[in-house]
Amino acid sequence: MRVARIHDLGDVRVEAQPLPELKPGDALVRMAVCGICTSDTLPWYVRRKTPAVLGHEPTGTIVKTDSDLFSVGDRLFIHHHAPCMTCRHCQRSEYSLCTTWRASAIDPGGLAEFVRVPAHNLQHDCFRLPDEMSFEDGALIEPVACAVQALKRRSRMQAGDRVLILGAGMMGQILIRVARHYGASTLIAADREPYRLRKASKAGANVAVDVSSTDLAAAVRNATEGDGADLVVVCPGSIAAMTSGLECVAPGGTVCLFTPAEAHEALPVSPHDLWFNHVTLTTSYSCGPPDTREAADLIGKGAVTADQIVTHRFSLDQAGEGFDTVSEAGESIKTLIIIDPDQARTV
């Protein structure tokens, strides 16, 4: 089979390797579509994994299994990680802290013609796509689930909140649409790319702020009657963006850091200001089984669909161009790799 293996940023090679060998309860899935996540283009994050077959937003069809849960021909959403559901972390809904979650993985990765899905993943965080859901929409389940966790579980967003999404790239666009669905009264999008700001306005942002020419904190105060945002989600993994987000939060509000900074970087925070203003600083890493199921429901309701946010599609042979498109950002939102065009066209 063919896989797209990344050796470094700018060095993605389509290579041949044997089909994965199945263990009892596993499934072999013919890949249809796999999204490229922005995290797959973070230099420091990717280089600690390379060489590797990345891709953790896959959908496809089971072609071989002895699982009691699924059958050959089932169209599947696949989560690359799956928790044990019994440890203390899982009981507290902190799925990404579960050691089983961190150890589990699809083989070799979503950017391959075939993927082995371990029995554990099949049991705990994979499910059949609804009959009416396309493979492209199915490939959005994992990123939409990350937005669900960030907004609902980690930030405890409430209907009526004034929400700032700092960074209007792929995840920013999804967060805007999900926050709108959850009842945000005012949605503010911030970015320095005019194309993304236009897309953010179309997605439901009431205010779109070009941070290259406008003071963000002042613009947020102006849009919120001087209060600031009840919830700020910072998408870029930069200290400058995180600091800017802290400047925009309202008293009693929450700042959610959606992307990590590098290990050696530190965020200057004033405990004095956090304490007196009752500000919550939180983070959100990945998602868990409740989030993926809610994400599928949101996609089914039309809150976020491929037609709304996918701007680029590439074949497996063009995976390198796909990674370059995500890395360069610019006039792009969501990039998909169409691994099996015939399969991807079916519903």
Foldseek 3Di string as FASTA:
>chain_A
DWFFWDQAQLRTDIDDDDQDDDDAQKFKWFWFKFWDDLLCQDRVSVNVPPRARETFLTWTFTCDHPHPQDDGGFTKGFGQFFAPCPDPCNVVQNRVVHPRRVPGGWPRYRRGRMIMHHNRRVPGAMDGAPQPDFRQQSSCLQLLLLLCCQQCPWFNHAAQFAEEEEDQAQSNLSNLLVVVVRHHPAYEYEEQAPLSQVLSVVLPHPYYYNVVPDQVQVVQCVVVVNFFGQEYEQADQDLVSQVSSVSRHGQNHEYEDEDHHDPVDDHDDDPVCCVVSVYHYYYTDTHHRVSSVVSSVCVVVVSDGCVSAADEEAESNCVSVQSVCSNVRHNHHIYMYRHDPVRSVHD
